[in-house]
Structure formats: structure tokens, C-alpha cells
Amino acid sequence: MSESPLAPQQASKSRLNWRLFSWVLIGFAIGIPLAGFIYYQSLVYSDDELVSHPYGYPGDLVEKCDGHSLVGPAGRSHHRSNTVRVAYEVRTPINYQANYAHPLLMVYAPSGLGPGLNEKFTGLTSPATQAGYIVVYVGSRRLNVNSVKALGTISHEVAKGWCIDEERVFLTGHSDGGTMSHLLAILAGTPLKPTALAPSAAGMNEQGFAPERCPEPTSVMIMHNKGDGHFPEYGADAAHWWAVCNQCRLEPIAHQFPHCVQYPQCANEVTTLYCEGEGGHLRWPRMEQEIVDFFNRQSRRSSSSLILSEE
């Protein structure tokens, strides 16, 4: 039986199809991880952007701590809480002085992130250390009332090793970390009550806030992206709840921070901001300098209040 004249042509076409299919598979094998890596790089900060800076300590520095009894190191250090069993990392100004009471910035992680990735995601090290803060990046833990109260104790652990001004404790975090910041500020019986907080992409809406009682008026900077499909409109709900609790006027006005509005005339001169940026749920708003500036203003207000109360 003679071979069909089309057989070699069909075999050649078949080999070509398999080659094309193989190249498509190779393209997917390379392209998908590459696309994922590029997207990951767009979400995080490089190591060069996460450098601790020196702080310009005041020349008339008044000692607030016994520097000899505090053994926390300057710069970068990694720790694990024995009581909470969660890892956390501490960043200080590189010229850290153990007798000066520093403001403390607690940064709570999104779900699944350890303290190192939490730092790379939020990028607060440089602006915060330059402003004299000790920054603590806390790893994630499943959200429930017990974990909220447990994670609230880490600030006390840090205060045993570094010189902390307990009147200037600030909270921020993204997604679960933002929710953690809210809950520490509003739940009864938590071991940490912040001077101010700046939650991002938090998972609390009107229904989540409804059963909670208002805390004392507290300065808050709510950040939530317009394209957050995971928690849509939750930021607006949170801002309204805090504006009511802070006894502000409920018609917001423009604020100098980009994409932010302010609820004015709040009780006790606290500040209530709502900032709505671009992007989806996974994108940190990249407002590190604004967050530090916001906390600095509350820090100065807190110091003035303390002086008045002492008089």
C-alpha cells in the first residue's frame, strides 16, 4: 500500500503544532511567575528604601529612662514574643539614645505576612526613624478578640527593652493590620490605648462598628482605596463612625494631605481624616510621610495637654 502524499505534510504540521504548544507552555511557565514577581515588586519597597536614619535629638535632652537598664539595641533587631508567640522586628534611629523617651509606632501586618514583609510592604522605617520614632513591625495572627488583646501586649514588651514615651503610642497597619488598629483602640479591656491611629484597608464597616461603644475622642486617619473590592466602602463607614464618636461636624472639608478630607471641630481638638486613594485592596496607600506628619501633630498636641494638666 503506497503512502499518502499528504502524510509527510500532516506529520510536519503535527510537529509544528507540538512545537507551538511547547513554546506556549514555556511562555506560561516563565510569564506567569515573571508577571507575579513584577506585581510583587510594585507592591513592596526595596531594601535601599528601608534604611534607619539618625534623629536630631534635642540639645536640652531631659533623661526619661535609665539607659543602663534598657538593653534593646540600636538599628534593626528581630524578636519573638514568648507570651504571644508572634515574631516582631524593631527599628530605631541609628543614633538611638536609651535615655530619651521615643514615640512608638506599632505596625500590624496583613494576613499571612511576617514582620519582615510587613516592613517591605508599608515602608515606614525611613520617615519614622528620621522623626525619632521606634518602629515595631508585628507579624500577622488570626483575628479574634483574644489575639487582639494578646498583640496589644507587645508594646509593653518593647518598653522593657527600649526607652518609650507611653503617652505617644501610635498604631497603623493594612487589611487585618488596619482592623487590628481599630480594635485595639475601641474594644474594652485591651492593654493598649493609642494616642492616634492610621488604619488602612480595614475590614470593619457600619455593621462591624455598630455594636461597639465610642472610646474617648481619638485622632484617626482612615485610609481606604477606591478600588477595594474586598471591603468596598468600608473606609467611608469607618470615617463616619469615628467622626460621630469624636463629636465632629459631619460635613467634611478639604485637607492638605492628598486625597484626604477632614471632619472639623472635633471634641478635645482631636483630628479625624478620611483619605481615599487609587488602587485595590492589596495596595498600601504609600502615604508614609503623611502618616508620620499626622502622628507628629498628635504627638505635639499630647505633649501640650500633658503640660497643661501638670499645671
C-alpha atoms as a PDB file:
ATOM      1  CA  MET A   1       0.000   0.000   0.000  1.00  0.00           C
ATOM      2  CA  SER A   2       1.517   3.303  -1.075  1.00  0.00           C
ATOM      3  CA  GLU A   3       1.895   6.138   1.454  1.00  0.00           C
ATOM      4  CA  SER A   4      -0.498   9.031   1.037  1.00  0.00           C
ATOM      5  CA  PRO A   5       1.215  12.078  -0.425  1.00  0.00           C
ATOM      6  CA  LEU A   6      -0.375  14.106   2.376  1.00  0.00           C
ATOM      7  CA  ALA A   7       1.201  12.015   5.174  1.00  0.00           C
ATOM      8  CA  PRO A   8       4.595  13.812   5.326  1.00  0.00           C
ATOM      9  CA  GLN A   9       2.820  17.149   5.207  1.00  0.00           C
ATOM     10  CA  GLN A  10       0.470  16.124   8.045  1.00  0.00           C
ATOM     11  CA  ALA A  11       3.393  14.832  10.147  1.00  0.00           C
ATOM     12  CA  SER A  12       5.292  18.065   9.596  1.00  0.00           C
ATOM     13  CA  LYS A  13       2.224  20.098  10.568  1.00  0.00           C
ATOM     14  CA  SER A  14       1.754  17.948  13.668  1.00  0.00           C
ATOM     15  CA  ARG A  15       5.374  18.521  14.736  1.00  0.00           C
ATOM     16  CA  LEU A  16       4.896  22.262  14.186  1.00  0.00           C
ATOM     17  CA  ASN A  17       1.750  22.262  16.330  1.00  0.00           C
ATOM     18  CA  TRP A  18       3.569  20.451  19.126  1.00  0.00           C
ATOM     19  CA  ARG A  19       6.446  22.934  18.937  1.00  0.00           C
ATOM     20  CA  LEU A  20       3.994  25.833  19.165  1.00  0.00           C
ATOM     21  CA  PHE A  21       2.216  24.164  22.062  1.00  0.00           C
ATOM     22  CA  SER A  22       5.536  23.617  23.834  1.00  0.00           C
ATOM     23  CA  TRP A  23       6.517  27.240  23.369  1.00  0.00           C
ATOM     24  CA  VAL A  24       3.113  28.334  24.709  1.00  0.00           C
ATOM     25  CA  LEU A  25       3.652  26.157  27.793  1.00  0.00           C
ATOM     26  CA  ILE A  26       7.151  27.566  28.269  1.00  0.00           C
ATOM     27  CA  GLY A  27       5.741  31.073  27.867  1.00  0.00           C
ATOM     28  CA  PHE A  28       3.163  30.428  30.553  1.00  0.00           C
ATOM     29  CA  ALA A  29       5.743  28.777  32.817  1.00  0.00           C
ATOM     30  CA  ILE A  30       8.011  31.818  32.560  1.00  0.00           C
ATOM     31  CA  GLY A  31       5.438  34.564  32.047  1.00  0.00           C
ATOM     32  CA  ILE A  32       3.104  33.868  34.950  1.00  0.00           C
ATOM     33  CA  PRO A  33       5.833  33.795  37.642  1.00  0.00           C
ATOM     34  CA  LEU A  34       7.508  36.790  36.000  1.00  0.00           C
ATOM     35  CA  ALA A  35       4.248  38.743  35.976  1.00  0.00           C
ATOM     36  CA  GLY A  36       3.697  37.768  39.601  1.00  0.00           C
ATOM     37  CA  PHE A  37       7.209  38.891  40.537  1.00  0.00           C
ATOM     38  CA  ILE A  38       6.758  42.227  38.731  1.00  0.00           C
ATOM     39  CA  TYR A  39       3.428  42.771  40.512  1.00  0.00           C
ATOM     40  CA  TYR A  40       5.001  41.867  43.866  1.00  0.00           C
ATOM     41  CA  GLN A  41       7.830  44.340  43.219  1.00  0.00           C
ATOM     42  CA  SER A  42       5.231  47.041  42.537  1.00  0.00           C
ATOM     43  CA  LEU A  43       3.690  46.457  45.981  1.00  0.00           C
ATOM     44  CA  VAL A  44       6.810  46.461  48.167  1.00  0.00           C
ATOM     45  CA  TYR A  45       9.742  48.743  48.943  1.00  0.00           C
ATOM     46  CA  SER A  46      13.346  47.872  48.170  1.00  0.00           C
ATOM     47  CA  ASP A  47      15.914  47.377  50.920  1.00  0.00           C
ATOM     48  CA  ASP A  48      17.517  50.688  49.935  1.00  0.00           C
ATOM     49  CA  GLU A  49      14.256  52.433  50.849  1.00  0.00           C
ATOM     50  CA  LEU A  50      14.073  50.831  54.291  1.00  0.00           C
ATOM     51  CA  VAL A  51      17.112  52.402  55.930  1.00  0.00           C
ATOM     52  CA  SER A  52      17.024  53.660  59.516  1.00  0.00           C
ATOM     53  CA  HIS A  53      18.061  57.303  59.788  1.00  0.00           C
ATOM     54  CA  PRO A  54      19.648  59.338  62.574  1.00  0.00           C
ATOM     55  CA  TYR A  55      17.367  61.546  64.660  1.00  0.00           C
ATOM     56  CA  GLY A  56      18.197  65.093  65.684  1.00  0.00           C
ATOM     57  CA  TYR A  57      17.877  64.727  69.444  1.00  0.00           C
ATOM     58  CA  PRO A  58      17.160  67.968  71.355  1.00  0.00           C
ATOM     59  CA  GLY A  59      20.202  69.643  72.833  1.00  0.00           C
ATOM     60  CA  ASP A  60      18.450  70.146  76.183  1.00  0.00           C
ATOM     61  CA  LEU A  61      17.503  66.467  76.380  1.00  0.00           C
ATOM     62  CA  VAL A  62      15.858  65.539  79.687  1.00  0.00           C
ATOM     63  CA  GLU A  63      16.540  61.954  80.668  1.00  0.00           C
ATOM     64  CA  LYS A  64      13.338  59.926  80.888  1.00  0.00           C
ATOM     65  CA  CYS A  65      14.773  56.415  81.230  1.00  0.00           C
ATOM     66  CA  ASP A  66      17.641  54.713  82.939  1.00  0.00           C
ATOM     67  CA  GLY A  67      19.617  53.933  79.821  1.00  0.00           C
ATOM     68  CA  HIS A  68      21.810  51.439  81.662  1.00  0.00           C
ATOM     69  CA  SER A  69      18.862  49.156  82.480  1.00  0.00           C
ATOM     70  CA  LEU A  70      17.476  49.039  78.924  1.00  0.00           C
ATOM     71  CA  VAL A  71      19.281  46.578  76.670  1.00  0.00           C
ATOM     72  CA  GLY A  72      17.380  46.996  73.399  1.00  0.00           C
ATOM     73  CA  PRO A  73      19.883  47.523  70.554  1.00  0.00           C
ATOM     74  CA  ALA A  74      20.037  50.428  68.136  1.00  0.00           C
ATOM     75  CA  GLY A  75      19.160  49.908  64.475  1.00  0.00           C
ATOM     76  CA  ARG A  76      17.469  46.691  63.381  1.00  0.00           C
ATOM     77  CA  SER A  77      16.619  43.702  65.564  1.00  0.00           C
ATOM     78  CA  HIS A  78      14.405  40.615  65.353  1.00  0.00           C
ATOM     79  CA  HIS A  79      12.409  39.217  68.274  1.00  0.00           C
ATOM     80  CA  ARG A  80       9.715  36.709  69.169  1.00  0.00           C
ATOM     81  CA  SER A  81       7.206  37.293  71.932  1.00  0.00           C
ATOM     82  CA  ASN A  82       7.276  34.471  74.471  1.00  0.00           C
ATOM     83  CA  THR A  83       3.778  35.275  75.677  1.00  0.00           C
ATOM     84  CA  VAL A  84       2.074  35.887  72.310  1.00  0.00           C
ATOM     85  CA  ARG A  85       4.303  33.630  70.184  1.00  0.00           C
ATOM     86  CA  VAL A  86       4.404  36.130  67.343  1.00  0.00           C
ATOM     87  CA  ALA A  87       7.549  37.474  65.695  1.00  0.00           C
ATOM     88  CA  TYR A  88       8.192  41.196  65.581  1.00  0.00           C
ATOM     89  CA  GLU A  89      11.038  43.418  64.430  1.00  0.00           C
ATOM     90  CA  VAL A  90      12.208  46.682  65.963  1.00  0.00           C
ATOM     91  CA  ARG A  91      13.720  49.633  64.113  1.00  0.00           C
ATOM     92  CA  THR A  92      15.256  52.596  65.910  1.00  0.00           C
ATOM     93  CA  PRO A  93      17.114  55.715  64.783  1.00  0.00           C
ATOM     94  CA  ILE A  94      20.676  54.609  64.057  1.00  0.00           C
ATOM     95  CA  ASN A  95      21.934  57.042  66.721  1.00  0.00           C
ATOM     96  CA  TYR A  96      19.396  55.744  69.260  1.00  0.00           C
ATOM     97  CA  GLN A  97      19.814  57.151  72.791  1.00  0.00           C
ATOM     98  CA  ALA A  98      18.497  54.893  75.539  1.00  0.00           C
ATOM     99  CA  ASN A  99      17.706  57.729  77.971  1.00  0.00           C
ATOM    100  CA  TYR A 100      15.316  59.637  75.646  1.00  0.00           C
ATOM    101  CA  ALA A 101      11.614  58.708  75.617  1.00  0.00           C
ATOM    102  CA  HIS A 102      10.763  57.931  71.986  1.00  0.00           C
ATOM    103  CA  PRO A 103       7.332  57.845  70.388  1.00  0.00           C
ATOM    104  CA  LEU A 104       6.361  54.282  69.473  1.00  0.00           C
ATOM    105  CA  LEU A 105       4.840  53.278  66.131  1.00  0.00           C
ATOM    106  CA  MET A 106       3.217  49.828  66.050  1.00  0.00           C
ATOM    107  CA  VAL A 107       2.686  48.452  62.515  1.00  0.00           C
ATOM    108  CA  TYR A 108       0.366  45.428  62.310  1.00  0.00           C
ATOM    109  CA  ALA A 109       0.626  43.081  59.325  1.00  0.00           C
ATOM    110  CA  PRO A 110      -1.908  41.992  56.719  1.00  0.00           C
ATOM    111  CA  SER A 111      -2.939  38.345  56.927  1.00  0.00           C
ATOM    112  CA  GLY A 112      -0.085  35.929  56.223  1.00  0.00           C
ATOM    113  CA  LEU A 113       2.776  38.441  56.375  1.00  0.00           C
ATOM    114  CA  GLY A 114       5.664  38.163  58.797  1.00  0.00           C
ATOM    115  CA  PRO A 115       7.344  41.240  60.270  1.00  0.00           C
ATOM    116  CA  GLY A 116       9.975  41.493  57.515  1.00  0.00           C
ATOM    117  CA  LEU A 117       7.435  41.523  54.685  1.00  0.00           C
ATOM    118  CA  ASN A 118       5.272  43.857  56.753  1.00  0.00           C
ATOM    119  CA  GLU A 119       8.162  46.337  56.716  1.00  0.00           C
ATOM    120  CA  LYS A 120       8.742  45.918  52.969  1.00  0.00           C
ATOM    121  CA  PHE A 121       5.014  46.416  52.323  1.00  0.00           C
ATOM    122  CA  THR A 122       4.460  49.525  54.460  1.00  0.00           C
ATOM    123  CA  GLY A 123       7.866  51.214  54.134  1.00  0.00           C
ATOM    124  CA  LEU A 124       7.651  53.325  57.292  1.00  0.00           C
ATOM    125  CA  THR A 125      11.194  52.803  58.575  1.00  0.00           C
ATOM    126  CA  SER A 126      12.937  55.762  56.934  1.00  0.00           C
ATOM    127  CA  PRO A 127      10.467  58.601  57.614  1.00  0.00           C
ATOM    128  CA  ALA A 128       9.608  57.326  61.099  1.00  0.00           C
ATOM    129  CA  THR A 129      13.162  56.834  62.410  1.00  0.00           C
ATOM    130  CA  GLN A 130      14.176  60.191  60.970  1.00  0.00           C
ATOM    131  CA  ALA A 131      11.381  61.715  63.087  1.00  0.00           C
ATOM    132  CA  GLY A 132      12.637  59.920  66.218  1.00  0.00           C
ATOM    133  CA  TYR A 133      10.185  57.006  66.349  1.00  0.00           C
ATOM    134  CA  ILE A 134      10.872  53.469  67.401  1.00  0.00           C
ATOM    135  CA  VAL A 135       9.016  51.323  64.860  1.00  0.00           C
ATOM    136  CA  VAL A 136       7.746  47.825  65.628  1.00  0.00           C
ATOM    137  CA  TYR A 137       6.646  45.590  62.752  1.00  0.00           C
ATOM    138  CA  VAL A 138       4.395  42.834  64.088  1.00  0.00           C
ATOM    139  CA  GLY A 139       3.755  39.579  62.234  1.00  0.00           C
ATOM    140  CA  SER A 140       0.189  38.512  61.469  1.00  0.00           C
ATOM    141  CA  ARG A 141      -2.021  36.413  63.663  1.00  0.00           C
ATOM    142  CA  ARG A 142      -5.567  35.186  63.075  1.00  0.00           C
ATOM    143  CA  LEU A 143      -8.047  37.861  64.122  1.00  0.00           C
ATOM    144  CA  ASN A 144     -10.173  37.271  67.194  1.00  0.00           C
ATOM    145  CA  VAL A 145     -10.701  39.056  70.499  1.00  0.00           C
ATOM    146  CA  ASN A 146      -8.019  37.036  72.271  1.00  0.00           C
ATOM    147  CA  SER A 147      -5.388  37.715  69.607  1.00  0.00           C
ATOM    148  CA  VAL A 148      -6.217  41.426  69.611  1.00  0.00           C
ATOM    149  CA  LYS A 149      -5.646  41.627  73.350  1.00  0.00           C
ATOM    150  CA  ALA A 150      -2.510  39.461  73.109  1.00  0.00           C
ATOM    151  CA  LEU A 151      -0.914  41.536  70.341  1.00  0.00           C
ATOM    152  CA  GLY A 152      -1.663  44.644  72.381  1.00  0.00           C
ATOM    153  CA  THR A 153       0.885  43.469  74.943  1.00  0.00           C
ATOM    154  CA  ILE A 154       3.841  43.610  72.528  1.00  0.00           C
ATOM    155  CA  SER A 155       4.212  47.347  73.073  1.00  0.00           C
ATOM    156  CA  HIS A 156       4.774  46.633  76.787  1.00  0.00           C
ATOM    157  CA  GLU A 157       7.457  44.077  75.907  1.00  0.00           C
ATOM    158  CA  VAL A 158       9.181  46.656  73.733  1.00  0.00           C
ATOM    159  CA  ALA A 159       9.056  49.232  76.557  1.00  0.00           C
ATOM    160  CA  LYS A 160      11.074  46.828  78.729  1.00  0.00           C
ATOM    161  CA  GLY A 161      13.973  46.965  76.257  1.00  0.00           C
ATOM    162  CA  TRP A 162      13.802  50.449  74.742  1.00  0.00           C
ATOM    163  CA  CYS A 163      13.006  53.899  76.107  1.00  0.00           C
ATOM    164  CA  ILE A 164       9.380  54.555  75.102  1.00  0.00           C
ATOM    165  CA  ASP A 165       7.130  57.520  75.787  1.00  0.00           C
ATOM    166  CA  GLU A 166       3.917  55.718  76.773  1.00  0.00           C
ATOM    167  CA  GLU A 167       1.919  58.904  76.142  1.00  0.00           C
ATOM    168  CA  ARG A 168       2.919  58.764  72.460  1.00  0.00           C
ATOM    169  CA  VAL A 169       1.948  55.338  71.106  1.00  0.00           C
ATOM    170  CA  PHE A 170       0.614  55.176  67.553  1.00  0.00           C
ATOM    171  CA  LEU A 171      -0.950  52.362  65.518  1.00  0.00           C
ATOM    172  CA  THR A 172      -1.178  51.588  61.820  1.00  0.00           C
ATOM    173  CA  GLY A 173      -1.472  48.561  59.560  1.00  0.00           C
ATOM    174  CA  HIS A 174      -3.104  47.310  56.376  1.00  0.00           C
ATOM    175  CA  SER A 175      -6.123  44.998  55.937  1.00  0.00           C
ATOM    176  CA  ASP A 176      -6.056  42.726  59.027  1.00  0.00           C
ATOM    177  CA  GLY A 177      -3.446  45.109  60.421  1.00  0.00           C
ATOM    178  CA  GLY A 178      -5.820  48.033  59.937  1.00  0.00           C
ATOM    179  CA  THR A 179      -8.610  46.100  61.619  1.00  0.00           C
ATOM    180  CA  MET A 180      -6.239  45.302  64.493  1.00  0.00           C
ATOM    181  CA  SER A 181      -5.536  49.031  64.910  1.00  0.00           C
ATOM    182  CA  HIS A 182      -9.265  49.813  65.126  1.00  0.00           C
ATOM    183  CA  LEU A 183      -9.975  47.021  67.595  1.00  0.00           C
ATOM    184  CA  LEU A 184      -7.141  47.921  69.951  1.00  0.00           C
ATOM    185  CA  ALA A 185      -8.497  51.469  70.070  1.00  0.00           C
ATOM    186  CA  ILE A 186     -12.176  50.621  70.657  1.00  0.00           C
ATOM    187  CA  LEU A 187     -12.507  47.249  72.404  1.00  0.00           C
ATOM    188  CA  ALA A 188     -12.905  47.300  76.169  1.00  0.00           C
ATOM    189  CA  GLY A 189     -10.110  45.682  78.140  1.00  0.00           C
ATOM    190  CA  THR A 190      -7.331  45.916  75.550  1.00  0.00           C
ATOM    191  CA  PRO A 191      -3.883  46.561  77.077  1.00  0.00           C
ATOM    192  CA  LEU A 192      -3.011  49.314  74.601  1.00  0.00           C
ATOM    193  CA  LYS A 193      -4.882  52.563  74.003  1.00  0.00           C
ATOM    194  CA  PRO A 194      -3.238  54.628  71.265  1.00  0.00           C
ATOM    195  CA  THR A 195      -2.604  58.343  71.110  1.00  0.00           C
ATOM    196  CA  ALA A 196      -3.736  58.161  67.474  1.00  0.00           C
ATOM    197  CA  LEU A 197      -4.185  55.559  64.731  1.00  0.00           C
ATOM    198  CA  ALA A 198      -3.966  55.372  60.930  1.00  0.00           C
ATOM    199  CA  PRO A 199      -5.614  52.133  59.699  1.00  0.00           C
ATOM    200  CA  SER A 200      -5.570  51.184  56.015  1.00  0.00           C
ATOM    201  CA  ALA A 201      -7.993  48.893  54.125  1.00  0.00           C
ATOM    202  CA  ALA A 202      -9.518  47.685  57.391  1.00  0.00           C
ATOM    203  CA  GLY A 203     -12.301  45.108  57.356  1.00  0.00           C
ATOM    204  CA  MET A 204     -14.817  46.964  59.528  1.00  0.00           C
ATOM    205  CA  ASN A 205     -17.937  48.525  58.037  1.00  0.00           C
ATOM    206  CA  GLU A 206     -21.069  50.091  59.535  1.00  0.00           C
ATOM    207  CA  GLN A 207     -22.320  46.714  60.817  1.00  0.00           C
ATOM    208  CA  GLY A 208     -18.932  45.923  62.354  1.00  0.00           C
ATOM    209  CA  PHE A 209     -18.791  49.198  64.256  1.00  0.00           C
ATOM    210  CA  ALA A 210     -22.469  49.230  65.290  1.00  0.00           C
ATOM    211  CA  PRO A 211     -22.170  47.127  68.488  1.00  0.00           C
ATOM    212  CA  GLU A 212     -19.074  48.964  69.732  1.00  0.00           C
ATOM    213  CA  ARG A 213     -19.175  51.832  72.196  1.00  0.00           C
ATOM    214  CA  CYS A 214     -17.322  55.012  71.359  1.00  0.00           C
ATOM    215  CA  PRO A 215     -13.919  55.376  73.030  1.00  0.00           C
ATOM    216  CA  GLU A 216     -12.623  58.680  74.290  1.00  0.00           C
ATOM    217  CA  PRO A 217     -12.123  61.098  71.370  1.00  0.00           C
ATOM    218  CA  THR A 218      -9.061  59.846  69.499  1.00  0.00           C
ATOM    219  CA  SER A 219      -7.264  61.234  66.456  1.00  0.00           C
ATOM    220  CA  VAL A 220      -7.621  58.932  63.455  1.00  0.00           C
ATOM    221  CA  MET A 221      -6.526  58.917  59.825  1.00  0.00           C
ATOM    222  CA  ILE A 222      -8.597  56.401  57.840  1.00  0.00           C
ATOM    223  CA  MET A 223      -7.062  55.239  54.526  1.00  0.00           C
ATOM    224  CA  HIS A 224      -9.026  53.167  52.025  1.00  0.00           C
ATOM    225  CA  ASN A 225      -8.628  52.749  48.261  1.00  0.00           C
ATOM    226  CA  LYS A 226     -11.480  53.497  45.849  1.00  0.00           C
ATOM    227  CA  GLY A 227     -10.986  50.201  44.035  1.00  0.00           C
ATOM    228  CA  ASP A 228     -11.068  47.995  47.137  1.00  0.00           C
ATOM    229  CA  GLY A 229     -13.452  45.255  46.021  1.00  0.00           C
ATOM    230  CA  HIS A 230     -12.711  43.144  49.085  1.00  0.00           C
ATOM    231  CA  PHE A 231     -14.004  45.726  51.565  1.00  0.00           C
ATOM    232  CA  PRO A 232     -15.954  48.204  49.391  1.00  0.00           C
ATOM    233  CA  GLU A 233     -16.907  51.485  51.083  1.00  0.00           C
ATOM    234  CA  TYR A 234     -15.646  50.226  54.452  1.00  0.00           C
ATOM    235  CA  GLY A 235     -13.329  53.209  54.806  1.00  0.00           C
ATOM    236  CA  ALA A 236     -16.154  55.717  54.436  1.00  0.00           C
ATOM    237  CA  ASP A 237     -18.170  53.821  57.069  1.00  0.00           C
ATOM    238  CA  ALA A 238     -15.194  53.840  59.453  1.00  0.00           C
ATOM    239  CA  ALA A 239     -14.551  57.546  58.956  1.00  0.00           C
ATOM    240  CA  HIS A 240     -18.200  58.393  59.633  1.00  0.00           C
ATOM    241  CA  TRP A 241     -18.256  56.252  62.809  1.00  0.00           C
ATOM    242  CA  TRP A 242     -15.127  57.908  64.159  1.00  0.00           C
ATOM    243  CA  ALA A 243     -16.433  61.371  63.225  1.00  0.00           C
ATOM    244  CA  VAL A 244     -19.590  60.705  65.254  1.00  0.00           C
ATOM    245  CA  CYS A 245     -17.598  59.291  68.194  1.00  0.00           C
ATOM    246  CA  ASN A 246     -15.170  62.204  68.060  1.00  0.00           C
ATOM    247  CA  GLN A 247     -18.153  64.592  68.069  1.00  0.00           C
ATOM    248  CA  CYS A 248     -17.011  66.304  64.877  1.00  0.00           C
ATOM    249  CA  ARG A 249     -19.069  68.285  62.441  1.00  0.00           C
ATOM    250  CA  LEU A 250     -20.214  65.690  59.902  1.00  0.00           C
ATOM    251  CA  GLU A 251     -19.664  67.743  56.745  1.00  0.00           C
ATOM    252  CA  PRO A 252     -16.046  67.023  55.727  1.00  0.00           C
ATOM    253  CA  ILE A 253     -13.792  69.709  54.309  1.00  0.00           C
ATOM    254  CA  ALA A 254     -10.654  69.529  52.148  1.00  0.00           C
ATOM    255  CA  HIS A 255      -7.362  68.727  53.865  1.00  0.00           C
ATOM    256  CA  GLN A 256      -3.786  69.473  52.801  1.00  0.00           C
ATOM    257  CA  PHE A 257      -2.872  65.765  52.525  1.00  0.00           C
ATOM    258  CA  PRO A 258      -3.547  64.436  49.002  1.00  0.00           C
ATOM    259  CA  HIS A 259      -6.919  62.683  48.535  1.00  0.00           C
ATOM    260  CA  CYS A 260      -7.900  63.444  52.144  1.00  0.00           C
ATOM    261  CA  VAL A 261     -10.823  65.234  53.789  1.00  0.00           C
ATOM    262  CA  GLN A 262     -11.178  66.295  57.407  1.00  0.00           C
ATOM    263  CA  TYR A 263     -14.173  66.233  59.704  1.00  0.00           C
ATOM    264  CA  PRO A 264     -13.771  69.561  61.529  1.00  0.00           C
ATOM    265  CA  GLN A 265     -14.453  70.843  65.033  1.00  0.00           C
ATOM    266  CA  CYS A 266     -13.963  67.544  66.857  1.00  0.00           C
ATOM    267  CA  ALA A 267     -14.070  67.225  70.629  1.00  0.00           C
ATOM    268  CA  ASN A 268     -10.850  67.688  72.615  1.00  0.00           C
ATOM    269  CA  GLU A 269      -9.202  69.110  69.481  1.00  0.00           C
ATOM    270  CA  VAL A 270      -8.637  65.629  68.003  1.00  0.00           C
ATOM    271  CA  THR A 271      -8.241  65.211  64.238  1.00  0.00           C
ATOM    272  CA  THR A 272     -10.416  62.959  62.055  1.00  0.00           C
ATOM    273  CA  LEU A 273      -9.269  62.366  58.459  1.00  0.00           C
ATOM    274  CA  TYR A 274     -10.507  60.191  55.617  1.00  0.00           C
ATOM    275  CA  CYS A 275      -8.084  59.527  52.729  1.00  0.00           C
ATOM    276  CA  GLU A 276      -9.272  57.699  49.604  1.00  0.00           C
ATOM    277  CA  GLY A 277      -6.567  56.765  47.105  1.00  0.00           C
ATOM    278  CA  GLU A 278      -6.379  54.784  43.881  1.00  0.00           C
ATOM    279  CA  GLY A 279      -5.893  51.032  43.629  1.00  0.00           C
ATOM    280  CA  GLY A 280      -7.381  47.853  45.029  1.00  0.00           C
ATOM    281  CA  HIS A 281      -7.331  46.066  48.343  1.00  0.00           C
ATOM    282  CA  LEU A 282      -3.785  44.744  48.036  1.00  0.00           C
ATOM    283  CA  ARG A 283      -2.210  48.156  47.522  1.00  0.00           C
ATOM    284  CA  TRP A 284      -0.839  50.032  50.536  1.00  0.00           C
ATOM    285  CA  PRO A 285      -1.648  53.756  50.053  1.00  0.00           C
ATOM    286  CA  ARG A 286       2.012  54.822  50.177  1.00  0.00           C
ATOM    287  CA  MET A 287       1.386  57.791  52.438  1.00  0.00           C
ATOM    288  CA  GLU A 288       4.252  57.085  54.833  1.00  0.00           C
ATOM    289  CA  GLN A 289       5.350  60.708  55.204  1.00  0.00           C
ATOM    290  CA  GLU A 290       1.772  61.870  55.694  1.00  0.00           C
ATOM    291  CA  ILE A 291       1.231  59.203  58.369  1.00  0.00           C
ATOM    292  CA  VAL A 292       4.335  60.332  60.266  1.00  0.00           C
ATOM    293  CA  ASP A 293       3.367  64.001  59.887  1.00  0.00           C
ATOM    294  CA  PHE A 294      -0.129  63.204  61.176  1.00  0.00           C
ATOM    295  CA  PHE A 295       1.263  61.394  64.215  1.00  0.00           C
ATOM    296  CA  ASN A 296       3.761  64.181  64.855  1.00  0.00           C
ATOM    297  CA  ARG A 297       0.918  66.686  65.131  1.00  0.00           C
ATOM    298  CA  GLN A 298      -0.948  64.485  67.597  1.00  0.00           C
ATOM    299  CA  SER A 299       2.304  63.987  69.490  1.00  0.00           C
ATOM    300  CA  ARG A 300       2.729  67.741  69.909  1.00  0.00           C
ATOM    301  CA  ARG A 301      -0.921  68.106  70.954  1.00  0.00           C
ATOM    302  CA  SER A 302      -0.474  65.298  73.509  1.00  0.00           C
ATOM    303  CA  SER A 303       2.653  66.953  74.943  1.00  0.00           C
ATOM    304  CA  SER A 304       0.802  70.294  75.260  1.00  0.00           C
ATOM    305  CA  SER A 305      -2.077  68.568  77.048  1.00  0.00           C
ATOM    306  CA  LEU A 306       0.312  66.945  79.492  1.00  0.00           C
ATOM    307  CA  ILE A 307       1.938  70.304  80.315  1.00  0.00           C
ATOM    308  CA  LEU A 308      -1.471  71.915  80.869  1.00  0.00           C
ATOM    309  CA  SER A 309      -2.656  69.067  83.075  1.00  0.00           C
ATOM    310  CA  GLU A 310       0.514  69.299  85.200  1.00  0.00           C
ATOM    311  CA  GLU A 311      -0.096  72.991  85.746  1.00  0.00           C
END
